[in-house]
Amino acid sequence: MLEAIETIKEELADRKKYLLENNKLLEEQRISQRTQFDIEMMNELGFCSGVENYSRHLSGRAEGEPPPTLFDYLPHDGLLIIDESHVTVPQIGAMYKGDRSRKETLVEYGFRLPSALDNRPLKFEEFEALAPQTIFVSATPGKYEIEMSGDEIADQVVRPTGLLDPELEVRPVATQVMIFFRRYASAVPSMSASW
């Protein structure tokens, strides 16, 4: 913890210098006050609110290095099953981009030190490099899942619940409500009398 606090202080000094040189006095005051308070809390209690934003310092990682994930603790010959992969796979890349955008704003306005950018989800390329053998499960696989699966795609023709798909009727918008009320009235005669 003490080593992390020293590197946090060094980063704070660099950030304060940058903000002052760029005439961002409010941001300099904000980051200085917040970080000094966080350092005091870490010294006294061993943690602070938002301690995860100092994870790069606490774990000793270099700037830009991927964060530790569950993949680091799983066997390399493990099996990853991604359910609803047509939604999940695109979300993996989007998580990094959304997190980065939000944190860049926090850093710019003096709410966080730049090292907070390294407390983040994996980039898509990092995820691909760390993920073990993978099964993509989807009724509507995307291009990526199909490419990654090669010719090893299994179709599941029967629904897993054993239920058949319901029959659907598509009706014109103009008559939908009237049809609903007629069907409701025939199904629940006592209720339809109040109409």
N, C-alpha and C. Protein backbone atom coordinates (compact mmCIF):
# COMPACT_ATOMS: atom_id res chain seq x y z
N MET A 1 0.83 -1.19 0.00
CA MET A 1 0.00 0.00 0.00
C MET A 1 0.87 1.25 0.00
N LEU A 2 1.95 1.23 0.79
CA LEU A 2 2.81 2.41 0.88
C LEU A 2 3.49 2.73 -0.45
N GLU A 3 3.89 1.69 -1.18
CA GLU A 3 4.49 1.91 -2.50
C GLU A 3 3.47 2.51 -3.45
N ALA A 4 2.25 2.01 -3.39
CA ALA A 4 1.19 2.54 -4.25
C ALA A 4 0.92 4.01 -3.93
N ILE A 5 0.90 4.35 -2.65
CA ILE A 5 0.66 5.74 -2.25
C ILE A 5 1.76 6.65 -2.80
N GLU A 6 2.99 6.18 -2.80
CA GLU A 6 4.09 7.00 -3.34
C GLU A 6 3.92 7.24 -4.84
N THR A 7 3.53 6.20 -5.58
CA THR A 7 3.35 6.40 -7.03
C THR A 7 2.12 7.26 -7.32
N ILE A 8 1.10 7.18 -6.46
CA ILE A 8 -0.07 8.05 -6.61
C ILE A 8 0.34 9.51 -6.39
N LYS A 9 1.17 9.74 -5.38
CA LYS A 9 1.65 11.11 -5.11
C LYS A 9 2.45 11.65 -6.30
N GLU A 10 3.27 10.79 -6.90
CA GLU A 10 4.06 11.21 -8.06
C GLU A 10 3.14 11.57 -9.23
N GLU A 11 2.15 10.74 -9.46
CA GLU A 11 1.21 11.03 -10.55
C GLU A 11 0.44 12.31 -10.27
N LEU A 12 0.04 12.50 -9.02
CA LEU A 12 -0.68 13.73 -8.65
C LEU A 12 0.18 14.96 -8.92
N ALA A 13 1.44 14.91 -8.56
CA ALA A 13 2.33 16.05 -8.79
C ALA A 13 2.43 16.37 -10.28
N ASP A 14 2.57 15.33 -11.10
CA ASP A 14 2.64 15.52 -12.55
C ASP A 14 1.34 16.11 -13.09
N ARG A 15 0.22 15.61 -12.58
CA ARG A 15 -1.08 16.08 -13.07
C ARG A 15 -1.33 17.53 -12.67
N LYS A 16 -0.99 17.86 -11.42
CA LYS A 16 -1.15 19.24 -10.96
C LYS A 16 -0.33 20.19 -11.82
N LYS A 17 0.89 19.81 -12.13
CA LYS A 17 1.76 20.63 -12.96
C LYS A 17 1.13 20.85 -14.34
N TYR A 18 0.63 19.77 -14.93
CA TYR A 18 -0.01 19.86 -16.25
C TYR A 18 -1.21 20.80 -16.21
N LEU A 19 -2.06 20.64 -15.20
CA LEU A 19 -3.28 21.46 -15.12
C LEU A 19 -2.95 22.93 -14.90
N LEU A 20 -1.96 23.21 -14.06
CA LEU A 20 -1.57 24.61 -13.82
C LEU A 20 -0.97 25.23 -15.08
N GLU A 21 -0.14 24.48 -15.79
CA GLU A 21 0.46 24.98 -17.03
C GLU A 21 -0.61 25.28 -18.08
N ASN A 22 -1.73 24.59 -18.01
CA ASN A 22 -2.81 24.78 -18.97
C ASN A 22 -3.93 25.66 -18.41
N ASN A 23 -3.63 26.37 -17.32
CA ASN A 23 -4.55 27.33 -16.71
C ASN A 23 -5.89 26.69 -16.32
N LYS A 24 -5.83 25.46 -15.83
CA LYS A 24 -7.04 24.77 -15.37
C LYS A 24 -6.98 24.73 -13.84
N LEU A 25 -7.24 25.87 -13.24
CA LEU A 25 -7.09 26.02 -11.80
C LEU A 25 -8.14 25.25 -11.01
N LEU A 26 -9.38 25.29 -11.46
CA LEU A 26 -10.45 24.56 -10.77
C LEU A 26 -10.17 23.06 -10.80
N GLU A 27 -9.77 22.55 -11.96
CA GLU A 27 -9.48 21.13 -12.10
C GLU A 27 -8.29 20.73 -11.22
N GLU A 28 -7.29 21.62 -11.15
CA GLU A 28 -6.11 21.34 -10.31
C GLU A 28 -6.51 21.26 -8.84
N GLN A 29 -7.35 22.19 -8.40
CA GLN A 29 -7.80 22.18 -7.01
C GLN A 29 -8.63 20.92 -6.73
N ARG A 30 -9.50 20.58 -7.67
CA ARG A 30 -10.40 19.44 -7.50
C ARG A 30 -9.60 18.13 -7.37
N ILE A 31 -8.66 17.89 -8.30
CA ILE A 31 -7.91 16.64 -8.27
C ILE A 31 -6.98 16.58 -7.07
N SER A 32 -6.43 17.72 -6.70
CA SER A 32 -5.54 17.77 -5.54
C SER A 32 -6.30 17.43 -4.26
N GLN A 33 -7.43 18.06 -4.07
CA GLN A 33 -8.24 17.83 -2.86
C GLN A 33 -8.72 16.39 -2.79
N ARG A 34 -9.24 15.89 -3.89
CA ARG A 34 -9.78 14.53 -3.90
C ARG A 34 -8.68 13.50 -3.65
N THR A 35 -7.57 13.64 -4.35
CA THR A 35 -6.49 12.65 -4.23
C THR A 35 -5.85 12.70 -2.85
N GLN A 36 -5.65 13.89 -2.30
CA GLN A 36 -5.08 14.00 -0.95
C GLN A 36 -6.00 13.31 0.07
N PHE A 37 -7.30 13.50 -0.08
CA PHE A 37 -8.25 12.85 0.83
C PHE A 37 -8.17 11.33 0.68
N ASP A 38 -8.12 10.86 -0.58
CA ASP A 38 -8.02 9.42 -0.82
C ASP A 38 -6.74 8.84 -0.21
N ILE A 39 -5.64 9.56 -0.34
CA ILE A 39 -4.36 9.11 0.23
C ILE A 39 -4.47 9.02 1.75
N GLU A 40 -5.08 10.02 2.36
CA GLU A 40 -5.27 9.98 3.83
C GLU A 40 -6.08 8.76 4.24
N MET A 41 -7.15 8.49 3.52
CA MET A 41 -8.00 7.34 3.83
C MET A 41 -7.23 6.03 3.66
N MET A 42 -6.44 5.93 2.60
CA MET A 42 -5.65 4.71 2.39
C MET A 42 -4.61 4.52 3.48
N ASN A 43 -4.01 5.61 3.92
CA ASN A 43 -3.04 5.54 5.02
C ASN A 43 -3.70 5.11 6.32
N GLU A 44 -4.87 5.65 6.60
CA GLU A 44 -5.56 5.39 7.87
C GLU A 44 -6.32 4.06 7.87
N LEU A 45 -7.06 3.79 6.78
CA LEU A 45 -7.96 2.64 6.77
C LEU A 45 -7.53 1.51 5.83
N GLY A 46 -6.61 1.80 4.93
CA GLY A 46 -6.20 0.78 3.97
C GLY A 46 -7.05 0.77 2.71
N PHE A 47 -8.02 1.66 2.63
CA PHE A 47 -8.85 1.78 1.43
C PHE A 47 -9.50 3.16 1.41
N CYS A 48 -10.15 3.48 0.31
CA CYS A 48 -10.91 4.72 0.21
C CYS A 48 -12.07 4.48 -0.76
N SER A 49 -13.02 5.36 -0.76
CA SER A 49 -14.11 5.27 -1.72
C SER A 49 -13.53 5.45 -3.12
N GLY A 50 -13.84 4.54 -4.01
CA GLY A 50 -13.28 4.62 -5.36
C GLY A 50 -11.86 4.10 -5.46
N VAL A 51 -11.44 3.25 -4.51
CA VAL A 51 -10.07 2.73 -4.51
C VAL A 51 -9.74 2.00 -5.82
N GLU A 52 -10.76 1.48 -6.49
CA GLU A 52 -10.52 0.76 -7.75
C GLU A 52 -9.88 1.66 -8.81
N ASN A 53 -10.08 2.96 -8.69
CA ASN A 53 -9.48 3.89 -9.65
C ASN A 53 -7.97 4.01 -9.48
N TYR A 54 -7.44 3.46 -8.41
CA TYR A 54 -5.99 3.43 -8.18
C TYR A 54 -5.43 2.03 -8.41
N SER A 55 -6.20 1.17 -9.07
CA SER A 55 -5.81 -0.23 -9.22
C SER A 55 -4.47 -0.40 -9.93
N ARG A 56 -4.16 0.47 -10.88
CA ARG A 56 -2.87 0.36 -11.56
C ARG A 56 -1.73 0.51 -10.56
N HIS A 57 -1.86 1.45 -9.64
CA HIS A 57 -0.83 1.66 -8.62
C HIS A 57 -0.80 0.49 -7.64
N LEU A 58 -1.96 0.02 -7.24
CA LEU A 58 -2.05 -1.04 -6.24
C LEU A 58 -1.53 -2.38 -6.77
N SER A 59 -1.74 -2.63 -8.05
CA SER A 59 -1.30 -3.91 -8.63
C SER A 59 0.10 -3.82 -9.24
N GLY A 60 0.65 -2.62 -9.33
CA GLY A 60 1.98 -2.45 -9.89
C GLY A 60 2.04 -2.59 -11.40
N ARG A 61 0.91 -2.42 -12.07
CA ARG A 61 0.89 -2.53 -13.53
C ARG A 61 1.47 -1.29 -14.19
N ALA A 62 1.92 -1.47 -15.41
CA ALA A 62 2.40 -0.34 -16.22
C ALA A 62 1.20 0.34 -16.87
N GLU A 63 1.39 1.58 -17.27
CA GLU A 63 0.32 2.33 -17.92
C GLU A 63 -0.14 1.60 -19.18
N GLY A 64 -1.45 1.45 -19.34
CA GLY A 64 -2.03 0.80 -20.51
C GLY A 64 -2.09 -0.71 -20.44
N GLU A 65 -1.48 -1.31 -19.44
CA GLU A 65 -1.47 -2.77 -19.30
C GLU A 65 -2.88 -3.25 -18.93
N PRO A 66 -3.31 -4.40 -19.48
CA PRO A 66 -4.66 -4.89 -19.16
C PRO A 66 -4.82 -5.17 -17.67
N PRO A 67 -6.02 -4.98 -17.17
CA PRO A 67 -6.28 -5.28 -15.76
C PRO A 67 -6.34 -6.79 -15.52
N PRO A 68 -6.15 -7.22 -14.28
CA PRO A 68 -6.34 -8.64 -13.99
C PRO A 68 -7.82 -9.01 -14.16
N THR A 69 -8.07 -10.21 -14.64
CA THR A 69 -9.45 -10.68 -14.85
C THR A 69 -9.57 -12.11 -14.36
N LEU A 70 -10.77 -12.65 -14.41
CA LEU A 70 -10.98 -14.05 -14.03
C LEU A 70 -10.18 -15.00 -14.93
N PHE A 71 -9.94 -14.59 -16.17
CA PHE A 71 -9.15 -15.44 -17.07
C PHE A 71 -7.77 -15.74 -16.49
N ASP A 72 -7.23 -14.83 -15.69
CA ASP A 72 -5.91 -15.04 -15.09
C ASP A 72 -5.91 -16.19 -14.07
N TYR A 73 -7.09 -16.57 -13.61
CA TYR A 73 -7.19 -17.59 -12.57
C TYR A 73 -7.79 -18.90 -13.08
N LEU A 74 -8.16 -18.93 -14.35
CA LEU A 74 -8.74 -20.14 -14.92
C LEU A 74 -7.66 -20.93 -15.66
N PRO A 75 -7.84 -22.24 -15.78
CA PRO A 75 -6.84 -23.03 -16.52
C PRO A 75 -6.82 -22.62 -18.00
N HIS A 76 -5.64 -22.71 -18.60
CA HIS A 76 -5.50 -22.30 -20.00
C HIS A 76 -6.24 -23.24 -20.95
N ASP A 77 -6.51 -24.46 -20.50
CA ASP A 77 -7.25 -25.39 -21.34
C ASP A 77 -8.74 -25.40 -20.98
N GLY A 78 -9.20 -24.33 -20.36
CA GLY A 78 -10.60 -24.22 -19.97
C GLY A 78 -11.51 -24.05 -21.17
N LEU A 79 -12.80 -24.00 -20.89
CA LEU A 79 -13.80 -23.85 -21.93
C LEU A 79 -14.69 -22.67 -21.57
N LEU A 80 -14.78 -21.71 -22.46
CA LEU A 80 -15.63 -20.54 -22.27
C LEU A 80 -16.88 -20.72 -23.11
N ILE A 81 -18.05 -20.60 -22.49
CA ILE A 81 -19.32 -20.69 -23.21
C ILE A 81 -19.97 -19.31 -23.15
N ILE A 82 -20.17 -18.70 -24.30
CA ILE A 82 -20.78 -17.38 -24.38
C ILE A 82 -22.21 -17.54 -24.86
N ASP A 83 -23.16 -17.36 -23.94
CA ASP A 83 -24.58 -17.48 -24.29
C ASP A 83 -25.05 -16.18 -24.93
N GLU A 84 -26.01 -16.31 -25.82
CA GLU A 84 -26.54 -15.15 -26.55
C GLU A 84 -25.39 -14.34 -27.15
N SER A 85 -24.46 -15.05 -27.77
CA SER A 85 -23.22 -14.43 -28.25
C SER A 85 -23.44 -13.33 -29.28
N HIS A 86 -24.56 -13.36 -29.98
CA HIS A 86 -24.81 -12.29 -30.96
C HIS A 86 -24.97 -10.93 -30.27
N VAL A 87 -25.30 -10.94 -28.97
CA VAL A 87 -25.40 -9.72 -28.17
C VAL A 87 -24.14 -9.53 -27.33
N THR A 88 -23.66 -10.61 -26.73
CA THR A 88 -22.54 -10.55 -25.79
C THR A 88 -21.23 -10.14 -26.46
N VAL A 89 -20.92 -10.71 -27.60
CA VAL A 89 -19.64 -10.43 -28.26
C VAL A 89 -19.50 -8.95 -28.62
N PRO A 90 -20.48 -8.33 -29.27
CA PRO A 90 -20.34 -6.89 -29.54
C PRO A 90 -20.24 -6.05 -28.27
N GLN A 91 -20.88 -6.50 -27.20
CA GLN A 91 -20.84 -5.76 -25.94
C GLN A 91 -19.44 -5.74 -25.33
N ILE A 92 -18.65 -6.77 -25.60
CA ILE A 92 -17.29 -6.83 -25.04
C ILE A 92 -16.47 -5.63 -25.51
N GLY A 93 -16.50 -5.36 -26.80
CA GLY A 93 -15.78 -4.20 -27.32
C GLY A 93 -16.41 -2.88 -26.89
N ALA A 94 -17.73 -2.86 -26.81
CA ALA A 94 -18.44 -1.63 -26.44
C ALA A 94 -18.17 -1.24 -24.99
N MET A 95 -17.98 -2.23 -24.12
CA MET A 95 -17.73 -1.93 -22.70
C MET A 95 -16.48 -1.08 -22.54
N TYR A 96 -15.41 -1.46 -23.23
CA TYR A 96 -14.16 -0.69 -23.13
C TYR A 96 -14.36 0.73 -23.63
N LYS A 97 -14.98 0.86 -24.79
CA LYS A 97 -15.15 2.18 -25.39
C LYS A 97 -16.02 3.10 -24.53
N GLY A 98 -17.11 2.56 -23.99
CA GLY A 98 -17.99 3.36 -23.13
C GLY A 98 -17.30 3.78 -21.84
N ASP A 99 -16.58 2.85 -21.23
CA ASP A 99 -15.85 3.14 -19.99
C ASP A 99 -14.78 4.19 -20.25
N ARG A 100 -14.07 4.06 -21.33
CA ARG A 100 -13.00 5.00 -21.68
C ARG A 100 -13.55 6.41 -21.88
N SER A 101 -14.63 6.52 -22.59
CA SER A 101 -15.24 7.83 -22.86
C SER A 101 -15.64 8.52 -21.57
N ARG A 102 -16.29 7.78 -20.68
CA ARG A 102 -16.74 8.34 -19.41
C ARG A 102 -15.56 8.78 -18.55
N LYS A 103 -14.54 7.93 -18.47
CA LYS A 103 -13.40 8.25 -17.60
C LYS A 103 -12.52 9.36 -18.16
N GLU A 104 -12.44 9.48 -19.48
CA GLU A 104 -11.68 10.59 -20.06
C GLU A 104 -12.27 11.93 -19.62
N THR A 105 -13.60 11.98 -19.54
CA THR A 105 -14.27 13.20 -19.07
C THR A 105 -13.93 13.46 -17.60
N LEU A 106 -13.95 12.41 -16.78
CA LEU A 106 -13.61 12.57 -15.36
C LEU A 106 -12.17 13.06 -15.19
N VAL A 107 -11.26 12.54 -15.99
CA VAL A 107 -9.86 12.95 -15.92
C VAL A 107 -9.71 14.40 -16.39
N GLU A 108 -10.36 14.72 -17.50
CA GLU A 108 -10.25 16.06 -18.07
C GLU A 108 -10.70 17.14 -17.09
N TYR A 109 -11.76 16.86 -16.32
CA TYR A 109 -12.30 17.87 -15.42
C TYR A 109 -11.79 17.75 -13.98
N GLY A 110 -10.76 16.95 -13.78
CA GLY A 110 -10.10 16.90 -12.48
C GLY A 110 -10.79 16.05 -11.42
N PHE A 111 -11.64 15.14 -11.84
CA PHE A 111 -12.30 14.26 -10.87
C PHE A 111 -11.49 12.99 -10.62
N ARG A 112 -10.61 12.64 -11.56
CA ARG A 112 -9.78 11.44 -11.44
C ARG A 112 -8.41 11.69 -12.04
N LEU A 113 -7.43 10.95 -11.52
CA LEU A 113 -6.09 10.95 -12.12
C LEU A 113 -6.13 10.13 -13.41
N PRO A 114 -5.22 10.40 -14.34
CA PRO A 114 -5.21 9.63 -15.59
C PRO A 114 -5.07 8.11 -15.39
N SER A 115 -4.46 7.68 -14.30
CA SER A 115 -4.32 6.23 -14.05
C SER A 115 -5.67 5.54 -13.89
N ALA A 116 -6.73 6.31 -13.61
CA ALA A 116 -8.07 5.71 -13.51
C ALA A 116 -8.50 5.08 -14.83
N LEU A 117 -7.91 5.55 -15.93
CA LEU A 117 -8.24 4.97 -17.24
C LEU A 117 -7.83 3.50 -17.33
N ASP A 118 -6.88 3.09 -16.48
CA ASP A 118 -6.42 1.70 -16.51
C ASP A 118 -7.26 0.77 -15.62
N ASN A 119 -8.23 1.31 -14.91
CA ASN A 119 -9.23 0.49 -14.23
C ASN A 119 -10.39 0.37 -15.21
N ARG A 120 -10.33 -0.67 -16.03
CA ARG A 120 -11.21 -0.73 -17.19
C ARG A 120 -11.53 -2.17 -17.58
N PRO A 121 -12.54 -2.32 -18.43
CA PRO A 121 -12.77 -3.63 -19.03
C PRO A 121 -11.67 -3.93 -20.05
N LEU A 122 -11.59 -5.17 -20.44
CA LEU A 122 -10.62 -5.55 -21.47
C LEU A 122 -11.01 -4.95 -22.82
N LYS A 123 -10.00 -4.62 -23.62
CA LYS A 123 -10.24 -4.28 -25.02
C LYS A 123 -10.62 -5.59 -25.71
N PHE A 124 -11.30 -5.51 -26.84
CA PHE A 124 -11.75 -6.72 -27.52
C PHE A 124 -10.56 -7.61 -27.89
N GLU A 125 -9.47 -7.00 -28.35
CA GLU A 125 -8.29 -7.77 -28.74
C GLU A 125 -7.68 -8.48 -27.53
N GLU A 126 -7.70 -7.83 -26.37
CA GLU A 126 -7.18 -8.44 -25.15
C GLU A 126 -8.05 -9.61 -24.73
N PHE A 127 -9.36 -9.44 -24.87
CA PHE A 127 -10.30 -10.52 -24.55
C PHE A 127 -10.02 -11.73 -25.44
N GLU A 128 -9.85 -11.48 -26.73
CA GLU A 128 -9.58 -12.57 -27.67
C GLU A 128 -8.29 -13.31 -27.30
N ALA A 129 -7.27 -12.56 -26.90
CA ALA A 129 -5.98 -13.17 -26.56
C ALA A 129 -6.07 -14.01 -25.29
N LEU A 130 -6.91 -13.61 -24.35
CA LEU A 130 -7.00 -14.31 -23.06
C LEU A 130 -8.03 -15.44 -23.04
N ALA A 131 -9.06 -15.33 -23.86
CA ALA A 131 -10.16 -16.30 -23.82
C ALA A 131 -9.66 -17.68 -24.23
N PRO A 132 -10.05 -18.70 -23.46
CA PRO A 132 -9.69 -20.07 -23.85
C PRO A 132 -10.58 -20.53 -25.01
N GLN A 133 -10.55 -21.80 -25.29
CA GLN A 133 -11.43 -22.39 -26.30
C GLN A 133 -12.85 -21.93 -26.01
N THR A 134 -13.59 -21.52 -27.03
CA THR A 134 -14.88 -20.88 -26.82
C THR A 134 -15.99 -21.53 -27.62
N ILE A 135 -17.15 -21.67 -26.98
CA ILE A 135 -18.37 -22.09 -27.67
C ILE A 135 -19.30 -20.88 -27.68
N PHE A 136 -19.75 -20.49 -28.87
CA PHE A 136 -20.70 -19.39 -29.02
C PHE A 136 -22.10 -19.99 -29.13
N VAL A 137 -23.01 -19.56 -28.26
CA VAL A 137 -24.37 -20.09 -28.27
C VAL A 137 -25.31 -18.96 -28.68
N SER A 138 -26.01 -19.16 -29.80
CA SER A 138 -26.91 -18.13 -30.29
C SER A 138 -27.87 -18.71 -31.31
N ALA A 139 -29.11 -18.27 -31.26
CA ALA A 139 -30.07 -18.66 -32.29
C ALA A 139 -29.79 -17.88 -33.58
N THR A 140 -29.14 -16.72 -33.43
CA THR A 140 -28.85 -15.87 -34.59
C THR A 140 -27.39 -15.41 -34.52
N PRO A 141 -26.45 -16.33 -34.74
CA PRO A 141 -25.03 -15.95 -34.61
C PRO A 141 -24.64 -14.84 -35.59
N GLY A 142 -23.75 -13.98 -35.11
CA GLY A 142 -23.25 -12.90 -35.95
C GLY A 142 -22.08 -13.36 -36.81
N LYS A 143 -21.60 -12.46 -37.63
CA LYS A 143 -20.50 -12.77 -38.55
C LYS A 143 -19.26 -13.26 -37.79
N TYR A 144 -18.95 -12.58 -36.67
CA TYR A 144 -17.75 -12.94 -35.89
C TYR A 144 -17.84 -14.38 -35.38
N GLU A 145 -18.98 -14.74 -34.79
CA GLU A 145 -19.13 -16.09 -34.25
C GLU A 145 -19.02 -17.14 -35.35
N ILE A 146 -19.62 -16.86 -36.49
CA ILE A 146 -19.56 -17.81 -37.61
C ILE A 146 -18.12 -17.97 -38.09
N GLU A 147 -17.40 -16.84 -38.24
CA GLU A 147 -16.00 -16.90 -38.67
C GLU A 147 -15.14 -17.67 -37.67
N MET A 148 -15.34 -17.40 -36.39
CA MET A 148 -14.53 -18.06 -35.36
C MET A 148 -14.85 -19.55 -35.24
N SER A 149 -16.05 -19.94 -35.60
CA SER A 149 -16.46 -21.34 -35.49
C SER A 149 -16.02 -22.17 -36.69
N GLY A 150 -15.69 -21.50 -37.77
CA GLY A 150 -15.28 -22.23 -38.97
C GLY A 150 -16.40 -23.13 -39.45
N ASP A 151 -16.07 -24.38 -39.70
CA ASP A 151 -17.10 -25.32 -40.15
C ASP A 151 -17.65 -26.16 -39.00
N GLU A 152 -17.38 -25.75 -37.77
CA GLU A 152 -17.83 -26.50 -36.60
C GLU A 152 -19.06 -25.85 -35.98
N ILE A 153 -20.12 -25.73 -36.77
CA ILE A 153 -21.37 -25.12 -36.31
C ILE A 153 -22.41 -26.22 -36.14
N ALA A 154 -23.04 -26.25 -34.99
CA ALA A 154 -24.09 -27.22 -34.71
C ALA A 154 -25.43 -26.49 -34.66
N ASP A 155 -26.39 -26.94 -35.46
CA ASP A 155 -27.73 -26.36 -35.43
C ASP A 155 -28.58 -27.11 -34.42
N GLN A 156 -29.34 -26.36 -33.65
CA GLN A 156 -30.28 -26.98 -32.72
C GLN A 156 -31.67 -26.71 -33.28
N VAL A 157 -32.24 -27.73 -33.89
CA VAL A 157 -33.51 -27.57 -34.59
C VAL A 157 -34.67 -27.55 -33.61
N VAL A 158 -34.61 -28.36 -32.56
CA VAL A 158 -35.68 -28.43 -31.57
C VAL A 158 -35.40 -27.43 -30.47
N ARG A 159 -36.42 -26.70 -30.08
CA ARG A 159 -36.23 -25.75 -28.98
C ARG A 159 -35.89 -26.52 -27.71
N PRO A 160 -35.01 -25.99 -26.87
CA PRO A 160 -34.58 -26.71 -25.67
C PRO A 160 -35.70 -27.00 -24.69
N THR A 161 -36.76 -26.22 -24.72
CA THR A 161 -37.87 -26.46 -23.79
C THR A 161 -38.81 -27.54 -24.30
N GLY A 162 -38.66 -27.91 -25.57
CA GLY A 162 -39.56 -28.89 -26.15
C GLY A 162 -40.85 -28.26 -26.65
N LEU A 163 -40.99 -26.97 -26.48
CA LEU A 163 -42.20 -26.28 -26.93
C LEU A 163 -42.10 -25.91 -28.40
N LEU A 164 -43.22 -25.89 -29.03
CA LEU A 164 -43.25 -25.44 -30.42
C LEU A 164 -43.42 -23.93 -30.45
N ASP A 165 -42.98 -23.32 -31.51
CA ASP A 165 -43.21 -21.88 -31.66
C ASP A 165 -44.70 -21.64 -31.84
N PRO A 166 -45.22 -20.61 -31.21
CA PRO A 166 -46.66 -20.33 -31.33
C PRO A 166 -47.00 -19.82 -32.74
N GLU A 167 -48.23 -20.08 -33.16
CA GLU A 167 -48.69 -19.53 -34.43
C GLU A 167 -48.97 -18.05 -34.23
N LEU A 168 -48.62 -17.27 -35.20
CA LEU A 168 -48.84 -15.82 -35.12
C LEU A 168 -49.76 -15.38 -36.24
N GLU A 169 -50.63 -14.43 -35.91
CA GLU A 169 -51.48 -13.80 -36.91
C GLU A 169 -51.10 -12.33 -36.96
N VAL A 170 -50.83 -11.84 -38.13
CA VAL A 170 -50.54 -10.42 -38.29
C VAL A 170 -51.80 -9.77 -38.85
N ARG A 171 -52.32 -8.79 -38.11
CA ARG A 171 -53.57 -8.13 -38.51
C ARG A 171 -53.32 -6.66 -38.79
N PRO A 172 -54.19 -6.05 -39.56
CA PRO A 172 -54.03 -4.62 -39.82
C PRO A 172 -54.17 -3.79 -38.55
N VAL A 173 -53.44 -2.73 -38.46
CA VAL A 173 -53.46 -1.86 -37.28
C VAL A 173 -54.86 -1.31 -37.03
N ALA A 174 -55.56 -0.98 -38.06
CA ALA A 174 -56.87 -0.34 -37.93
C ALA A 174 -57.88 -1.19 -37.16
N THR A 175 -57.74 -2.52 -37.22
CA THR A 175 -58.74 -3.39 -36.57
C THR A 175 -58.21 -4.12 -35.34
N GLN A 176 -56.97 -3.93 -34.95
CA GLN A 176 -56.38 -4.68 -33.84
C GLN A 176 -57.15 -4.51 -32.53
N VAL A 177 -57.45 -3.28 -32.17
CA VAL A 177 -58.09 -3.01 -30.88
C VAL A 177 -59.49 -3.60 -30.85
N MET A 178 -60.27 -3.43 -31.92
CA MET A 178 -61.63 -3.97 -31.97
C MET A 178 -61.61 -5.49 -31.87
N ILE A 179 -60.69 -6.12 -32.56
CA ILE A 179 -60.58 -7.58 -32.50
C ILE A 179 -60.24 -8.02 -31.08
N PHE A 180 -59.34 -7.31 -30.44
CA PHE A 180 -58.98 -7.63 -29.05
C PHE A 180 -60.21 -7.58 -28.16
N PHE A 181 -61.00 -6.50 -28.25
CA PHE A 181 -62.17 -6.36 -27.38
C PHE A 181 -63.21 -7.45 -27.66
N ARG A 182 -63.40 -7.81 -28.92
CA ARG A 182 -64.35 -8.89 -29.25
C ARG A 182 -63.90 -10.22 -28.64
N ARG A 183 -62.63 -10.52 -28.78
CA ARG A 183 -62.11 -11.78 -28.22
C ARG A 183 -62.18 -11.77 -26.70
N TYR A 184 -61.87 -10.65 -26.11
CA TYR A 184 -61.93 -10.51 -24.65
C TYR A 184 -63.37 -10.69 -24.17
N ALA A 185 -64.32 -10.08 -24.89
CA ALA A 185 -65.73 -10.18 -24.50
C ALA A 185 -66.23 -11.62 -24.58
N SER A 186 -65.78 -12.36 -25.58
CA SER A 186 -66.23 -13.75 -25.69
C SER A 186 -65.56 -14.64 -24.65
N ALA A 187 -64.34 -14.28 -24.24
CA ALA A 187 -63.63 -15.08 -23.24
C ALA A 187 -64.09 -14.77 -21.83
N VAL A 188 -64.47 -13.52 -21.56
CA VAL A 188 -64.88 -13.10 -20.22
C VAL A 188 -66.20 -12.34 -20.35
N PRO A 189 -67.31 -13.05 -20.52
CA PRO A 189 -68.60 -12.38 -20.77
C PRO A 189 -69.04 -11.44 -19.64
N SER A 190 -68.79 -11.80 -18.39
CA SER A 190 -69.25 -10.95 -17.28
C SER A 190 -68.55 -9.60 -17.27
N MET A 191 -67.33 -9.53 -17.73
CA MET A 191 -66.58 -8.28 -17.74
C MET A 191 -67.00 -7.39 -18.91
N SER A 192 -67.40 -8.01 -20.02
CA SER A 192 -67.73 -7.23 -21.21
C SER A 192 -69.03 -6.46 -21.06
N ALA A 193 -69.87 -6.83 -20.11
CA ALA A 193 -71.15 -6.14 -19.91
C ALA A 193 -70.95 -4.69 -19.48
N SER A 194 -69.83 -4.38 -18.87
CA SER A 194 -69.58 -3.02 -18.39
C SER A 194 -69.13 -2.08 -19.50
N TRP A 195 -68.95 -2.57 -20.72
CA TRP A 195 -68.50 -1.70 -21.81
C TRP A 195 -69.67 -0.97 -22.35
